[in-house]
Amino acid sequence: MSRTATTICCLALGAALVSPAMATIKKHEQREANRINTGTRRGQLTPKERQRLLNQQTTIELERRQAMADGKMTKREHQDIRHDQKRLSHDIRKKRHNKKRAF
């Protein structure tokens, strides 16, 4: 087998190991990061608000990694992570639309 064919097979195997639930959680993490960055760029988030939201997101990411440590995310772990993500999403909305401004 050529080197490229081996690489493609490894990538396909790695993609197959990622569950649909995991992909959804990762996409959600990326969208929330974009919302935080947009709020910062537009001056809607103060530095302290931004840091708290990023800390919250880091905690969720750590929880996700721990859930996948054994190779499988249980339904309960997935529910807990989604609950935390929804709370973060709500917090981002509240902080971006309050009257506090960075400048």
Protein backbone atom coordinates (compact mmCIF):
# COMPACT_ATOMS: atom_id res chain seq x y z
CA MET A 1 0.00 0.00 0.00
CA SER A 2 1.26 3.45 -0.79
CA ARG A 3 1.80 6.04 1.87
CA THR A 4 -1.18 8.17 0.74
CA ALA A 5 -3.51 5.18 0.69
CA THR A 6 -2.45 4.32 4.24
CA THR A 7 -3.05 7.89 5.36
CA ILE A 8 -6.50 7.93 3.77
CA CYS A 9 -7.42 4.64 5.45
CA CYS A 10 -6.28 5.96 8.84
CA LEU A 11 -8.29 9.16 8.41
CA ALA A 12 -11.38 7.21 7.39
CA LEU A 13 -11.01 4.94 10.41
CA GLY A 14 -10.58 7.95 12.70
CA ALA A 15 -13.68 9.61 11.24
CA ALA A 16 -15.66 6.41 11.75
CA LEU A 17 -14.72 6.34 15.44
CA VAL A 18 -16.23 9.78 16.06
CA SER A 19 -19.85 9.31 17.01
CA PRO A 20 -22.57 11.57 15.58
CA ALA A 21 -23.21 12.87 19.09
CA MET A 22 -19.55 13.81 19.41
CA ALA A 23 -19.61 15.63 16.08
CA THR A 24 -22.68 17.62 17.19
CA ILE A 25 -20.99 18.62 20.44
CA LYS A 26 -17.81 19.70 18.65
CA LYS A 27 -19.78 21.77 16.10
CA HIS A 28 -21.65 23.43 18.94
CA GLU A 29 -18.35 24.24 20.72
CA GLN A 30 -17.05 25.90 17.56
CA ARG A 31 -20.22 27.98 17.08
CA GLU A 32 -20.09 29.16 20.69
CA ALA A 33 -16.42 30.11 20.33
CA ASN A 34 -17.32 32.13 17.24
CA ARG A 35 -20.13 33.89 19.11
CA ILE A 36 -17.77 34.79 21.97
CA ASN A 37 -15.15 36.10 19.54
CA THR A 38 -17.75 38.12 17.63
CA GLY A 39 -19.05 39.65 20.86
CA THR A 40 -15.51 40.58 21.84
CA ARG A 41 -14.74 42.08 18.44
CA ARG A 42 -17.91 44.17 18.47
CA GLY A 43 -17.32 45.38 22.01
CA GLN A 44 -20.44 43.64 23.33
CA LEU A 45 -18.46 41.65 25.90
CA THR A 46 -16.24 43.15 28.56
CA PRO A 47 -12.91 41.37 29.17
CA LYS A 48 -14.24 39.92 32.42
CA GLU A 49 -17.41 38.59 30.73
CA ARG A 50 -15.33 37.11 27.92
CA GLN A 51 -13.01 35.36 30.36
CA ARG A 52 -15.91 33.85 32.31
CA LEU A 53 -17.53 32.54 29.13
CA LEU A 54 -14.23 31.06 27.95
CA ASN A 55 -13.74 29.39 31.34
CA GLN A 56 -17.23 27.93 31.08
CA GLN A 57 -16.45 26.63 27.59
CA THR A 58 -13.15 25.13 28.76
CA THR A 59 -14.97 23.29 31.53
CA ILE A 60 -17.42 21.82 29.01
CA GLU A 61 -14.55 20.77 26.75
CA LEU A 62 -12.83 19.05 29.68
CA GLU A 63 -16.10 17.27 30.54
CA ARG A 64 -16.36 16.10 26.91
CA ARG A 65 -12.81 14.76 26.93
CA GLN A 66 -13.43 12.90 30.17
CA ALA A 67 -16.63 11.41 28.77
CA MET A 68 -14.71 10.12 25.75
CA ALA A 69 -11.75 8.84 27.78
CA ASP A 70 -13.13 5.29 27.71
CA GLY A 71 -13.92 5.57 24.00
CA LYS A 72 -17.71 5.83 24.31
CA MET A 73 -19.97 8.62 25.47
CA THR A 74 -22.99 7.39 27.40
CA LYS A 75 -26.43 8.87 26.87
CA ARG A 76 -26.32 10.50 30.32
CA GLU A 77 -22.90 12.06 29.66
CA HIS A 78 -24.20 13.42 26.36
CA GLN A 79 -27.27 14.90 28.08
CA ASP A 80 -25.10 16.56 30.74
CA ILE A 81 -22.79 18.10 28.16
CA ARG A 82 -25.69 19.34 26.01
CA HIS A 83 -27.32 20.87 29.10
CA ASP A 84 -24.09 22.72 29.92
CA GLN A 85 -23.77 23.88 26.31
CA LYS A 86 -27.31 25.23 26.30
CA ARG A 87 -26.60 27.12 29.52
CA LEU A 88 -23.43 28.58 27.99
CA SER A 89 -25.39 29.60 24.90
CA HIS A 90 -27.95 31.36 27.08
CA ASP A 91 -25.19 33.09 29.06
CA ILE A 92 -23.52 34.30 25.85
CA ARG A 93 -26.82 35.77 24.68
CA LYS A 94 -27.43 37.52 28.02
CA LYS A 95 -23.92 38.97 28.24
CA ARG A 96 -23.80 40.13 24.62
CA HIS A 97 -27.09 41.96 24.96
CA ASN A 98 -26.72 43.58 28.36
CA LYS A 99 -25.84 47.27 28.52
CA LYS A 100 -22.18 46.72 29.47
CA ARG A 101 -19.71 47.55 26.71
CA ALA A 102 -15.96 47.01 26.39
CA PHE A 103 -15.42 50.51 24.97
